[in-house]
Amino acid sequence: MCIYIGIEDLVANALIELSEKSDRHEVLFKELDQYGATVVKILNEQNEQAVLILSTERRNAFLHDYSEYFELYRDGLDEGIRLKAKVDIDKLWTEFRSYLSVDVMLAFMDSKSVEALGV
């Protein structure tokens, strides 16, 4: 079975980890790339086939569909996604982690994955 990881799961889980471990509420796309690659590597090492489903079209749809949670931001020349000020991390846990398999959730929370976010 193949595990498909979409941008919504990648962003939400990155922001949960960043918020809980460093009180950061934004993530750059280049950090998301590293985080996603690390999560996939961890799952593949556990004999779970995993792939990221990322594209500009999916990113735009994600920002539209989840606009109550997230917004696009710029940091100099870099772009990323920011958690909106009124969004509680517990809400992200409920919305984006409650349906994940244990293996996938643990890969998102793994110290190697979190390290890829710069924490």
PDB file of N, CA and C in Angstrom:
ATOM      1  N   MET A   1       0.843  -1.181   0.000  1.00  0.00           N
ATOM      2  CA  MET A   1       0.000   0.000   0.000  1.00  0.00           C
ATOM      3  C   MET A   1       0.887   1.242   0.000  1.00  0.00           C
ATOM      4  N   CYS A   2       0.510   2.230  -0.759  1.00  0.00           N
ATOM      5  CA  CYS A   2       1.272   3.469  -0.849  1.00  0.00           C
ATOM      6  C   CYS A   2       0.592   4.545   0.001  1.00  0.00           C
ATOM      7  N   ILE A   3       1.399   5.281   0.725  1.00  0.00           N
ATOM      8  CA  ILE A   3       0.907   6.385   1.548  1.00  0.00           C
ATOM      9  C   ILE A   3       1.120   7.668   0.759  1.00  0.00           C
ATOM     10  N   TYR A   4       0.041   8.405   0.523  1.00  0.00           N
ATOM     11  CA  TYR A   4       0.113   9.673  -0.186  1.00  0.00           C
ATOM     12  C   TYR A   4       0.024  10.799   0.831  1.00  0.00           C
ATOM     13  N   ILE A   5       1.027  11.662   0.832  1.00  0.00           N
ATOM     14  CA  ILE A   5       1.068  12.781   1.772  1.00  0.00           C
ATOM     15  C   ILE A   5       0.853  14.061   0.979  1.00  0.00           C
ATOM     16  N   GLY A   6      -0.273  14.714   1.239  1.00  0.00           N
ATOM     17  CA  GLY A   6      -0.606  15.957   0.556  1.00  0.00           C
ATOM     18  C   GLY A   6      -0.063  17.170   1.282  1.00  0.00           C
ATOM     19  N   ILE A   7      -0.142  18.300   0.608  1.00  0.00           N
ATOM     20  CA  ILE A   7       0.393  19.529   1.181  1.00  0.00           C
ATOM     21  C   ILE A   7      -0.322  19.908   2.475  1.00  0.00           C
ATOM     22  N   GLU A   8      -1.615  19.598   2.591  1.00  0.00           N
ATOM     23  CA  GLU A   8      -2.344  19.964   3.807  1.00  0.00           C
ATOM     24  C   GLU A   8      -1.789  19.236   5.029  1.00  0.00           C
ATOM     25  N   ASP A   9      -1.492  17.954   4.881  1.00  0.00           N
ATOM     26  CA  ASP A   9      -0.912  17.202   5.999  1.00  0.00           C
ATOM     27  C   ASP A   9       0.510  17.656   6.294  1.00  0.00           C
ATOM     28  N   LEU A  10       1.269  17.907   5.242  1.00  0.00           N
ATOM     29  CA  LEU A  10       2.653  18.337   5.417  1.00  0.00           C
ATOM     30  C   LEU A  10       2.724  19.678   6.146  1.00  0.00           C
ATOM     31  N   VAL A  11       1.957  20.656   5.693  1.00  0.00           N
ATOM     32  CA  VAL A  11       1.977  21.994   6.300  1.00  0.00           C
ATOM     33  C   VAL A  11       1.461  21.948   7.729  1.00  0.00           C
ATOM     34  N   ALA A  12       0.311  21.336   7.935  1.00  0.00           N
ATOM     35  CA  ALA A  12      -0.283  21.310   9.277  1.00  0.00           C
ATOM     36  C   ALA A  12       0.639  20.632  10.278  1.00  0.00           C
ATOM     37  N   ASN A  13       1.216  19.514   9.902  1.00  0.00           N
ATOM     38  CA  ASN A  13       2.091  18.803  10.834  1.00  0.00           C
ATOM     39  C   ASN A  13       3.396  19.547  11.070  1.00  0.00           C
ATOM     40  N   ALA A  14       3.928  20.191  10.054  1.00  0.00           N
ATOM     41  CA  ALA A  14       5.124  21.019  10.248  1.00  0.00           C
ATOM     42  C   ALA A  14       4.829  22.154  11.221  1.00  0.00           C
ATOM     43  N   LEU A  15       3.680  22.800  11.057  1.00  0.00           N
ATOM     44  CA  LEU A  15       3.344  23.923  11.939  1.00  0.00           C
ATOM     45  C   LEU A  15       3.000  23.468  13.353  1.00  0.00           C
ATOM     46  N   ILE A  16       2.430  22.291  13.497  1.00  0.00           N
ATOM     47  CA  ILE A  16       2.208  21.746  14.843  1.00  0.00           C
ATOM     48  C   ILE A  16       3.556  21.565  15.530  1.00  0.00           C
ATOM     49  N   GLU A  17       4.491  20.922  14.845  1.00  0.00           N
ATOM     50  CA  GLU A  17       5.812  20.679  15.438  1.00  0.00           C
ATOM     51  C   GLU A  17       6.549  21.982  15.724  1.00  0.00           C
ATOM     52  N   LEU A  18       6.531  22.918  14.785  1.00  0.00           N
ATOM     53  CA  LEU A  18       7.210  24.198  14.995  1.00  0.00           C
ATOM     54  C   LEU A  18       6.591  24.979  16.149  1.00  0.00           C
ATOM     55  N   SER A  19       5.270  24.988  16.225  1.00  0.00           N
ATOM     56  CA  SER A  19       4.586  25.725  17.295  1.00  0.00           C
ATOM     57  C   SER A  19       4.872  25.125  18.657  1.00  0.00           C
ATOM     58  N   GLU A  20       4.851  23.807  18.738  1.00  0.00           N
ATOM     59  CA  GLU A  20       5.047  23.141  20.026  1.00  0.00           C
ATOM     60  C   GLU A  20       6.508  23.140  20.477  1.00  0.00           C
ATOM     61  N   LYS A  21       7.430  23.105  19.541  1.00  0.00           N
ATOM     62  CA  LYS A  21       8.840  22.953  19.913  1.00  0.00           C
ATOM     63  C   LYS A  21       9.639  24.254  19.887  1.00  0.00           C
ATOM     64  N   SER A  22       9.155  25.259  19.158  1.00  0.00           N
ATOM     65  CA  SER A  22       9.938  26.492  19.064  1.00  0.00           C
ATOM     66  C   SER A  22       9.091  27.756  19.043  1.00  0.00           C
ATOM     67  N   ASP A  23       7.795  27.623  19.198  1.00  0.00           N
ATOM     68  CA  ASP A  23       6.870  28.757  19.182  1.00  0.00           C
ATOM     69  C   ASP A  23       6.921  29.537  17.862  1.00  0.00           C
ATOM     70  N   ARG A  24       7.273  28.845  16.774  1.00  0.00           N
ATOM     71  CA  ARG A  24       7.218  29.439  15.433  1.00  0.00           C
ATOM     72  C   ARG A  24       5.872  29.100  14.820  1.00  0.00           C
ATOM     73  N   HIS A  25       5.334  30.056  14.065  1.00  0.00           N
ATOM     74  CA  HIS A  25       4.018  29.863  13.467  1.00  0.00           C
ATOM     75  C   HIS A  25       4.044  30.032  11.950  1.00  0.00           C
ATOM     76  N   GLU A  26       5.231  29.881  11.363  1.00  0.00           N
ATOM     77  CA  GLU A  26       5.353  29.925   9.915  1.00  0.00           C
ATOM     78  C   GLU A  26       6.444  28.962   9.470  1.00  0.00           C
ATOM     79  N   VAL A  27       6.319  28.557   8.222  1.00  0.00           N
ATOM     80  CA  VAL A  27       7.293  27.617   7.656  1.00  0.00           C
ATOM     81  C   VAL A  27       7.535  28.004   6.198  1.00  0.00           C
ATOM     82  N   LEU A  28       8.797  28.039   5.819  1.00  0.00           N
ATOM     83  CA  LEU A  28       9.161  28.348   4.439  1.00  0.00           C
ATOM     84  C   LEU A  28       8.972  27.112   3.560  1.00  0.00           C
ATOM     85  N   PHE A  29       8.710  27.330   2.278  1.00  0.00           N
ATOM     86  CA  PHE A  29       8.535  26.203   1.366  1.00  0.00           C
ATOM     87  C   PHE A  29       9.795  25.349   1.282  1.00  0.00           C
ATOM     88  N   LYS A  30      10.961  25.971   1.351  1.00  0.00           N
ATOM     89  CA  LYS A  30      12.194  25.174   1.303  1.00  0.00           C
ATOM     90  C   LYS A  30      12.321  24.289   2.540  1.00  0.00           C
ATOM     91  N   GLU A  31      11.813  24.745   3.687  1.00  0.00           N
ATOM     92  CA  GLU A  31      11.807  23.910   4.893  1.00  0.00           C
ATOM     93  C   GLU A  31      10.801  22.774   4.746  1.00  0.00           C
ATOM     94  N   LEU A  32       9.661  23.077   4.140  1.00  0.00           N
ATOM     95  CA  LEU A  32       8.655  22.033   3.901  1.00  0.00           C
ATOM     96  C   LEU A  32       9.200  20.938   2.989  1.00  0.00           C
ATOM     97  N   ASP A  33       9.969  21.331   1.986  1.00  0.00           N
ATOM     98  CA  ASP A  33      10.574  20.339   1.087  1.00  0.00           C
ATOM     99  C   ASP A  33      11.470  19.383   1.868  1.00  0.00           C
ATOM    100  N   GLN A  34      12.309  19.934   2.737  1.00  0.00           N
ATOM    101  CA  GLN A  34      13.214  19.107   3.545  1.00  0.00           C
ATOM    102  C   GLN A  34      12.430  18.221   4.521  1.00  0.00           C
ATOM    103  N   TYR A  35      11.428  18.806   5.162  1.00  0.00           N
ATOM    104  CA  TYR A  35      10.590  18.076   6.117  1.00  0.00           C
ATOM    105  C   TYR A  35       9.892  16.911   5.416  1.00  0.00           C
ATOM    106  N   GLY A  36       9.268  17.197   4.289  1.00  0.00           N
ATOM    107  CA  GLY A  36       8.566  16.158   3.542  1.00  0.00           C
ATOM    108  C   GLY A  36       9.486  15.044   3.086  1.00  0.00           C
ATOM    109  N   ALA A  37      10.657  15.409   2.582  1.00  0.00           N
ATOM    110  CA  ALA A  37      11.621  14.398   2.137  1.00  0.00           C
ATOM    111  C   ALA A  37      12.065  13.518   3.299  1.00  0.00           C
ATOM    112  N   THR A  38      12.229  14.113   4.464  1.00  0.00           N
ATOM    113  CA  THR A  38      12.650  13.342   5.637  1.00  0.00           C
ATOM    114  C   THR A  38      11.539  12.412   6.102  1.00  0.00           C
ATOM    115  N   VAL A  39      10.309  12.896   6.117  1.00  0.00           N
ATOM    116  CA  VAL A  39       9.165  12.058   6.503  1.00  0.00           C
ATOM    117  C   VAL A  39       9.057  10.857   5.565  1.00  0.00           C
ATOM    118  N   VAL A  40       9.163  11.088   4.270  1.00  0.00           N
ATOM    119  CA  VAL A  40       9.089   9.999   3.290  1.00  0.00           C
ATOM    120  C   VAL A  40      10.238   9.015   3.500  1.00  0.00           C
ATOM    121  N   LYS A  41      11.432   9.521   3.748  1.00  0.00           N
ATOM    122  CA  LYS A  41      12.586   8.647   3.981  1.00  0.00           C
ATOM    123  C   LYS A  41      12.367   7.764   5.206  1.00  0.00           C
ATOM    124  N   ILE A  42      11.846   8.344   6.279  1.00  0.00           N
ATOM    125  CA  ILE A  42      11.575   7.578   7.503  1.00  0.00           C
ATOM    126  C   ILE A  42      10.566   6.470   7.213  1.00  0.00           C
ATOM    127  N   LEU A  43       9.503   6.802   6.518  1.00  0.00           N
ATOM    128  CA  LEU A  43       8.484   5.799   6.193  1.00  0.00           C
ATOM    129  C   LEU A  43       9.049   4.719   5.272  1.00  0.00           C
ATOM    130  N   ASN A  44       9.836   5.122   4.295  1.00  0.00           N
ATOM    131  CA  ASN A  44      10.441   4.142   3.381  1.00  0.00           C
ATOM    132  C   ASN A  44      11.383   3.202   4.126  1.00  0.00           C
ATOM    133  N   GLU A  45      12.103   3.720   5.115  1.00  0.00           N
ATOM    134  CA  GLU A  45      12.993   2.876   5.921  1.00  0.00           C
ATOM    135  C   GLU A  45      12.216   1.850   6.744  1.00  0.00           C
ATOM    136  N   GLN A  46      10.934   2.122   6.973  1.00  0.00           N
ATOM    137  CA  GLN A  46      10.063   1.199   7.704  1.00  0.00           C
ATOM    138  C   GLN A  46       9.295   0.301   6.735  1.00  0.00           C
ATOM    139  N   ASN A  47       9.755   0.245   5.494  1.00  0.00           N
ATOM    140  CA  ASN A  47       9.118  -0.549   4.441  1.00  0.00           C
ATOM    141  C   ASN A  47       7.703  -0.094   4.121  1.00  0.00           C
ATOM    142  N   GLU A  48       7.443   1.190   4.319  1.00  0.00           N
ATOM    143  CA  GLU A  48       6.177   1.808   3.918  1.00  0.00           C
ATOM    144  C   GLU A  48       6.475   2.655   2.688  1.00  0.00           C
ATOM    145  N   GLN A  49       5.782   2.400   1.605  1.00  0.00           N
ATOM    146  CA  GLN A  49       5.983   3.218   0.413  1.00  0.00           C
ATOM    147  C   GLN A  49       5.201   4.513   0.593  1.00  0.00           C
ATOM    148  N   ALA A  50       5.899   5.646   0.514  1.00  0.00           N
ATOM    149  CA  ALA A  50       5.260   6.943   0.713  1.00  0.00           C
ATOM    150  C   ALA A  50       5.720   7.919  -0.358  1.00  0.00           C
ATOM    151  N   VAL A  51       4.804   8.774  -0.786  1.00  0.00           N
ATOM    152  CA  VAL A  51       5.126   9.815  -1.758  1.00  0.00           C
ATOM    153  C   VAL A  51       4.443  11.112  -1.349  1.00  0.00           C
ATOM    154  N   LEU A  52       5.099  12.220  -1.692  1.00  0.00           N
ATOM    155  CA  LEU A  52       4.514  13.540  -1.468  1.00  0.00           C
ATOM    156  C   LEU A  52       3.709  13.935  -2.694  1.00  0.00           C
ATOM    157  N   ILE A  53       2.556  14.538  -2.461  1.00  0.00           N
ATOM    158  CA  ILE A  53       1.717  15.036  -3.544  1.00  0.00           C
ATOM    159  C   ILE A  53       1.730  16.559  -3.440  1.00  0.00           C
ATOM    160  N   LEU A  54       2.665  17.178  -4.157  1.00  0.00           N
ATOM    161  CA  LEU A  54       2.856  18.626  -4.076  1.00  0.00           C
ATOM    162  C   LEU A  54       2.915  19.213  -5.481  1.00  0.00           C
ATOM    163  N   SER A  55       2.270  20.342  -5.664  1.00  0.00           N
ATOM    164  CA  SER A  55       2.343  21.081  -6.919  1.00  0.00           C
ATOM    165  C   SER A  55       1.832  22.489  -6.642  1.00  0.00           C
ATOM    166  N   THR A  56       2.085  23.378  -7.564  1.00  0.00           N
ATOM    167  CA  THR A  56       1.582  24.748  -7.421  1.00  0.00           C
ATOM    168  C   THR A  56       0.060  24.752  -7.376  1.00  0.00           C
ATOM    169  N   GLU A  57      -0.566  23.930  -8.194  1.00  0.00           N
ATOM    170  CA  GLU A  57      -2.030  23.867  -8.221  1.00  0.00           C
ATOM    171  C   GLU A  57      -2.580  23.379  -6.881  1.00  0.00           C
ATOM    172  N   ARG A  58      -1.958  22.348  -6.325  1.00  0.00           N
ATOM    173  CA  ARG A  58      -2.406  21.825  -5.028  1.00  0.00           C
ATOM    174  C   ARG A  58      -2.168  22.842  -3.919  1.00  0.00           C
ATOM    175  N   ARG A  59      -1.040  23.558  -4.001  1.00  0.00           N
ATOM    176  CA  ARG A  59      -0.759  24.596  -3.007  1.00  0.00           C
ATOM    177  C   ARG A  59      -1.835  25.675  -3.047  1.00  0.00           C
ATOM    178  N   ASN A  60      -2.185  26.131  -4.235  1.00  0.00           N
ATOM    179  CA  ASN A  60      -3.206  27.166  -4.364  1.00  0.00           C
ATOM    180  C   ASN A  60      -4.562  26.676  -3.869  1.00  0.00           C
ATOM    181  N   ALA A  61      -4.913  25.445  -4.205  1.00  0.00           N
ATOM    182  CA  ALA A  61      -6.173  24.865  -3.724  1.00  0.00           C
ATOM    183  C   ALA A  61      -6.151  24.736  -2.206  1.00  0.00           C
ATOM    184  N   PHE A  62      -5.029  24.307  -1.657  1.00  0.00           N
ATOM    185  CA  PHE A  62      -4.869  24.187  -0.202  1.00  0.00           C
ATOM    186  C   PHE A  62      -5.081  25.541   0.478  1.00  0.00           C
ATOM    187  N   LEU A  63      -4.433  26.583  -0.034  1.00  0.00           N
ATOM    188  CA  LEU A  63      -4.573  27.913   0.573  1.00  0.00           C
ATOM    189  C   LEU A  63      -6.011  28.416   0.489  1.00  0.00           C
ATOM    190  N   HIS A  64      -6.707  28.062  -0.569  1.00  0.00           N
ATOM    191  CA  HIS A  64      -8.117  28.435  -0.694  1.00  0.00           C
ATOM    192  C   HIS A  64      -8.988  27.617   0.260  1.00  0.00           C
ATOM    193  N   ASP A  65      -8.811  26.304   0.254  1.00  0.00           N
ATOM    194  CA  ASP A  65      -9.659  25.411   1.045  1.00  0.00           C
ATOM    195  C   ASP A  65      -9.459  25.572   2.551  1.00  0.00           C
ATOM    196  N   TYR A  66      -8.264  25.927   2.965  1.00  0.00           N
ATOM    197  CA  TYR A  66      -7.955  26.037   4.394  1.00  0.00           C
ATOM    198  C   TYR A  66      -7.581  27.463   4.782  1.00  0.00           C
ATOM    199  N   SER A  67      -8.201  28.433   4.123  1.00  0.00           N
ATOM    200  CA  SER A  67      -7.871  29.842   4.363  1.00  0.00           C
ATOM    201  C   SER A  67      -8.227  30.303   5.771  1.00  0.00           C
ATOM    202  N   GLU A  68      -9.062  29.562   6.475  1.00  0.00           N
ATOM    203  CA  GLU A  68      -9.364  29.940   7.864  1.00  0.00           C
ATOM    204  C   GLU A  68      -8.216  29.590   8.810  1.00  0.00           C
ATOM    205  N   TYR A  69      -7.296  28.743   8.352  1.00  0.00           N
ATOM    206  CA  TYR A  69      -6.155  28.321   9.167  1.00  0.00           C
ATOM    207  C   TYR A  69      -4.826  28.955   8.746  1.00  0.00           C
ATOM    208  N   PHE A  70      -4.601  29.049   7.436  1.00  0.00           N
ATOM    209  CA  PHE A  70      -3.272  29.365   6.912  1.00  0.00           C
ATOM    210  C   PHE A  70      -3.311  30.516   5.925  1.00  0.00           C
ATOM    211  N   GLU A  71      -2.132  31.177   5.782  1.00  0.00           N
ATOM    212  CA  GLU A  71      -1.982  32.226   4.784  1.00  0.00           C
ATOM    213  C   GLU A  71      -0.563  32.184   4.215  1.00  0.00           C
ATOM    214  N   LEU A  72      -0.432  32.666   3.000  1.00  0.00           N
ATOM    215  CA  LEU A  72       0.863  32.763   2.345  1.00  0.00           C
ATOM    216  C   LEU A  72       1.609  33.953   2.928  1.00  0.00           C
ATOM    217  N   TYR A  73       2.927  33.841   3.070  1.00  0.00           N
ATOM    218  CA  TYR A  73       3.718  34.987   3.518  1.00  0.00           C
ATOM    219  C   TYR A  73       5.071  34.978   2.834  1.00  0.00           C
ATOM    220  N   ARG A  74       5.743  36.111   2.882  1.00  0.00           N
ATOM    221  CA  ARG A  74       7.080  36.262   2.307  1.00  0.00           C
ATOM    222  C   ARG A  74       8.060  36.654   3.399  1.00  0.00           C
ATOM    223  N   ASP A  75       9.262  36.095   3.276  1.00  0.00           N
ATOM    224  CA  ASP A  75      10.375  36.464   4.143  1.00  0.00           C
ATOM    225  C   ASP A  75      11.531  36.801   3.205  1.00  0.00           C
ATOM    226  N   GLY A  76      11.622  38.062   2.842  1.00  0.00           N
ATOM    227  CA  GLY A  76      12.600  38.456   1.829  1.00  0.00           C
ATOM    228  C   GLY A  76      12.214  37.857   0.495  1.00  0.00           C
ATOM    229  N   LEU A  77      13.100  37.054  -0.065  1.00  0.00           N
ATOM    230  CA  LEU A  77      12.820  36.405  -1.346  1.00  0.00           C
ATOM    231  C   LEU A  77      12.118  35.064  -1.185  1.00  0.00           C
ATOM    232  N   ASP A  78      12.078  34.559   0.033  1.00  0.00           N
ATOM    233  CA  ASP A  78      11.485  33.248   0.291  1.00  0.00           C
ATOM    234  C   ASP A  78       9.999  33.365   0.596  1.00  0.00           C
ATOM    235  N   GLU A  79       9.246  32.345   0.184  1.00  0.00           N
ATOM    236  CA  GLU A  79       7.822  32.262   0.496  1.00  0.00           C
ATOM    237  C   GLU A  79       7.571  31.095   1.425  1.00  0.00           C
ATOM    238  N   GLY A  80       6.480  31.205   2.147  1.00  0.00           N
ATOM    239  CA  GLY A  80       6.090  30.127   3.030  1.00  0.00           C
ATOM    240  C   GLY A  80       4.631  30.241   3.403  1.00  0.00           C
ATOM    241  N   ILE A  81       4.261  29.480   4.404  1.00  0.00           N
ATOM    242  CA  ILE A  81       2.883  29.466   4.895  1.00  0.00           C
ATOM    243  C   ILE A  81       2.911  29.774   6.376  1.00  0.00           C
ATOM    244  N   ARG A  82       1.992  30.624   6.783  1.00  0.00           N
ATOM    245  CA  ARG A  82       1.886  31.056   8.172  1.00  0.00           C
ATOM    246  C   ARG A  82       0.542  30.607   8.745  1.00  0.00           C
ATOM    247  N   LEU A  83       0.588  30.225   9.999  1.00  0.00           N
ATOM    248  CA  LEU A  83      -0.628  29.906  10.738  1.00  0.00           C
ATOM    249  C   LEU A  83      -1.291  31.218  11.129  1.00  0.00           C
ATOM    250  N   LYS A  84      -2.568  31.351  10.869  1.00  0.00           N
ATOM    251  CA  LYS A  84      -3.266  32.582  11.243  1.00  0.00           C
ATOM    252  C   LYS A  84      -3.308  32.718  12.762  1.00  0.00           C
ATOM    253  N   ALA A  85      -3.322  33.955  13.223  1.00  0.00           N
ATOM    254  CA  ALA A  85      -3.154  34.272  14.646  1.00  0.00           C
ATOM    255  C   ALA A  85      -4.193  33.614  15.553  1.00  0.00           C
ATOM    256  N   LYS A  86      -5.412  33.488  15.118  1.00  0.00           N
ATOM    257  CA  LYS A  86      -6.479  32.986  15.992  1.00  0.00           C
ATOM    258  C   LYS A  86      -6.628  31.467  15.969  1.00  0.00           C
ATOM    259  N   VAL A  87      -5.755  30.782  15.259  1.00  0.00           N
ATOM    260  CA  VAL A  87      -5.866  29.325  15.132  1.00  0.00           C
ATOM    261  C   VAL A  87      -5.112  28.651  16.272  1.00  0.00           C
ATOM    262  N   ASP A  88      -5.810  27.787  16.970  1.00  0.00           N
ATOM    263  CA  ASP A  88      -5.250  27.049  18.100  1.00  0.00           C
ATOM    264  C   ASP A  88      -4.609  25.749  17.607  1.00  0.00           C
ATOM    265  N   ILE A  89      -3.473  25.405  18.171  1.00  0.00           N
ATOM    266  CA  ILE A  89      -2.761  24.184  17.775  1.00  0.00           C
ATOM    267  C   ILE A  89      -3.616  22.942  18.033  1.00  0.00           C
ATOM    268  N   ASP A  90      -4.411  22.947  19.090  1.00  0.00           N
ATOM    269  CA  ASP A  90      -5.300  21.805  19.359  1.00  0.00           C
ATOM    270  C   ASP A  90      -6.263  21.575  18.203  1.00  0.00           C
ATOM    271  N   LYS A  91      -6.705  22.649  17.576  1.00  0.00           N
ATOM    272  CA  LYS A  91      -7.596  22.537  16.419  1.00  0.00           C
ATOM    273  C   LYS A  91      -6.870  21.851  15.256  1.00  0.00           C
ATOM    274  N   LEU A  92      -5.588  22.197  15.064  1.00  0.00           N
ATOM    275  CA  LEU A  92      -4.812  21.526  14.014  1.00  0.00           C
ATOM    276  C   LEU A  92      -4.647  20.043  14.314  1.00  0.00           C
ATOM    277  N   TRP A  93      -4.389  19.717  15.583  1.00  0.00           N
ATOM    278  CA  TRP A  93      -4.275  18.302  15.976  1.00  0.00           C
ATOM    279  C   TRP A  93      -5.546  17.552  15.579  1.00  0.00           C
ATOM    280  N   THR A  94      -6.683  18.113  15.929  1.00  0.00           N
ATOM    281  CA  THR A  94      -7.964  17.460  15.652  1.00  0.00           C
ATOM    282  C   THR A  94      -8.218  17.352  14.154  1.00  0.00           C
ATOM    283  N   GLU A  95      -7.983  18.431  13.446  1.00  0.00           N
ATOM    284  CA  GLU A  95      -8.301  18.494  12.021  1.00  0.00           C
ATOM    285  C   GLU A  95      -7.331  17.690  11.146  1.00  0.00           C
ATOM    286  N   PHE A  96      -6.051  17.662  11.516  1.00  0.00           N
ATOM    287  CA  PHE A  96      -5.051  17.107  10.611  1.00  0.00           C
ATOM    288  C   PHE A  96      -4.280  15.899  11.139  1.00  0.00           C
ATOM    289  N   ARG A  97      -4.476  15.524  12.394  1.00  0.00           N
ATOM    290  CA  ARG A  97      -3.752  14.349  12.895  1.00  0.00           C
ATOM    291  C   ARG A  97      -4.668  13.218  13.337  1.00  0.00           C
ATOM    292  N   SER A  98      -5.914  13.488  13.568  1.00  0.00           N
ATOM    293  CA  SER A  98      -6.805  12.473  14.135  1.00  0.00           C
ATOM    294  C   SER A  98      -7.013  11.281  13.203  1.00  0.00           C
ATOM    295  N   TYR A  99      -6.839  11.447  11.919  1.00  0.00           N
ATOM    296  CA  TYR A  99      -7.086  10.364  10.958  1.00  0.00           C
ATOM    297  C   TYR A  99      -5.805   9.688  10.457  1.00  0.00           C
ATOM    298  N   LEU A 100      -4.641  10.203  10.855  1.00  0.00           N
ATOM    299  CA  LEU A 100      -3.378   9.635  10.374  1.00  0.00           C
ATOM    300  C   LEU A 100      -3.104   8.278  11.012  1.00  0.00           C
ATOM    301  N   SER A 101      -2.444   7.419  10.269  1.00  0.00           N
ATOM    302  CA  SER A 101      -1.989   6.166  10.874  1.00  0.00           C
ATOM    303  C   SER A 101      -0.879   6.500  11.865  1.00  0.00           C
ATOM    304  N   VAL A 102      -0.648   5.605  12.795  1.00  0.00           N
ATOM    305  CA  VAL A 102       0.383   5.830  13.811  1.00  0.00           C
ATOM    306  C   VAL A 102       1.750   6.002  13.153  1.00  0.00           C
ATOM    307  N   ASP A 103       2.065   5.172  12.160  1.00  0.00           N
ATOM    308  CA  ASP A 103       3.364   5.261  11.490  1.00  0.00           C
ATOM    309  C   ASP A 103       3.583   6.630  10.850  1.00  0.00           C
ATOM    310  N   VAL A 104       2.564   7.141  10.190  1.00  0.00           N
ATOM    311  CA  VAL A 104       2.687   8.443   9.530  1.00  0.00           C
ATOM    312  C   VAL A 104       2.807   9.553  10.572  1.00  0.00           C
ATOM    313  N   MET A 105       1.981   9.512  11.603  1.00  0.00           N
ATOM    314  CA  MET A 105       2.054  10.536  12.642  1.00  0.00           C
ATOM    315  C   MET A 105       3.426  10.533  13.312  1.00  0.00           C
ATOM    316  N   LEU A 106       3.944   9.355  13.617  1.00  0.00           N
ATOM    317  CA  LEU A 106       5.266   9.273  14.247  1.00  0.00           C
ATOM    318  C   LEU A 106       6.368   9.769  13.312  1.00  0.00           C
ATOM    319  N   ALA A 107       6.220   9.552  12.018  1.00  0.00           N
ATOM    320  CA  ALA A 107       7.205  10.072  11.059  1.00  0.00           C
ATOM    321  C   ALA A 107       7.183  11.598  11.040  1.00  0.00           C
ATOM    322  N   PHE A 108       5.993  12.187  11.119  1.00  0.00           N
ATOM    323  CA  PHE A 108       5.887  13.649  11.194  1.00  0.00           C
ATOM    324  C   PHE A 108       6.520  14.186  12.478  1.00  0.00           C
ATOM    325  N   MET A 109       6.449  13.420  13.548  1.00  0.00           N
ATOM    326  CA  MET A 109       6.938  13.859  14.856  1.00  0.00           C
ATOM    327  C   MET A 109       8.384  13.439  15.130  1.00  0.00           C
ATOM    328  N   ASP A 110       8.956  12.616  14.291  1.00  0.00           N
ATOM    329  CA  ASP A 110      10.309  12.095  14.497  1.00  0.00           C
ATOM    330  C   ASP A 110      11.321  13.243  14.628  1.00  0.00           C
ATOM    331  N   SER A 111      12.306  13.054  15.483  1.00  0.00           N
ATOM    332  CA  SER A 111      13.306  14.104  15.713  1.00  0.00           C
ATOM    333  C   SER A 111      14.064  14.468  14.432  1.00  0.00           C
ATOM    334  N   LYS A 112      14.277  13.505  13.540  1.00  0.00           N
ATOM    335  CA  LYS A 112      14.951  13.796  12.267  1.00  0.00           C
ATOM    336  C   LYS A 112      14.085  14.700  11.388  1.00  0.00           C
ATOM    337  N   SER A 113      12.784  14.454  11.391  1.00  0.00           N
ATOM    338  CA  SER A 113      11.871  15.288  10.613  1.00  0.00           C
ATOM    339  C   SER A 113      11.838  16.703  11.167  1.00  0.00           C
ATOM    340  N   VAL A 114      11.713  16.796  12.479  1.00  0.00           N
ATOM    341  CA  VAL A 114      11.645  18.108  13.131  1.00  0.00           C
ATOM    342  C   VAL A 114      12.955  18.866  12.926  1.00  0.00           C
ATOM    343  N   GLU A 115      14.060  18.152  12.955  1.00  0.00           N
ATOM    344  CA  GLU A 115      15.365  18.775  12.709  1.00  0.00           C
ATOM    345  C   GLU A 115      15.428  19.378  11.304  1.00  0.00           C
ATOM    346  N   ALA A 116      14.770  18.748  10.346  1.00  0.00           N
ATOM    347  CA  ALA A 116      14.730  19.271   8.977  1.00  0.00           C
ATOM    348  C   ALA A 116      14.012  20.616   8.907  1.00  0.00           C
ATOM    349  N   LEU A 117      13.200  20.911   9.921  1.00  0.00           N
ATOM    350  CA  LEU A 117      12.511  22.200  10.003  1.00  0.00           C
ATOM    351  C   LEU A 117      13.370  23.267  10.682  1.00  0.00           C
ATOM    352  N   GLY A 118      14.551  22.881  11.115  1.00  0.00           N
ATOM    353  CA  GLY A 118      15.439  23.839  11.765  1.00  0.00           C
ATOM    354  C   GLY A 118      15.250  23.943  13.257  1.00  0.00           C
ATOM    355  N   VAL A 119      14.594  22.948  13.850  1.00  0.00           N
ATOM    356  CA  VAL A 119      14.354  22.963  15.302  1.00  0.00           C
ATOM    357  C   VAL A 119      15.328  22.021  15.972  1.00  0.00           C
TER     358      VAL A 119
END
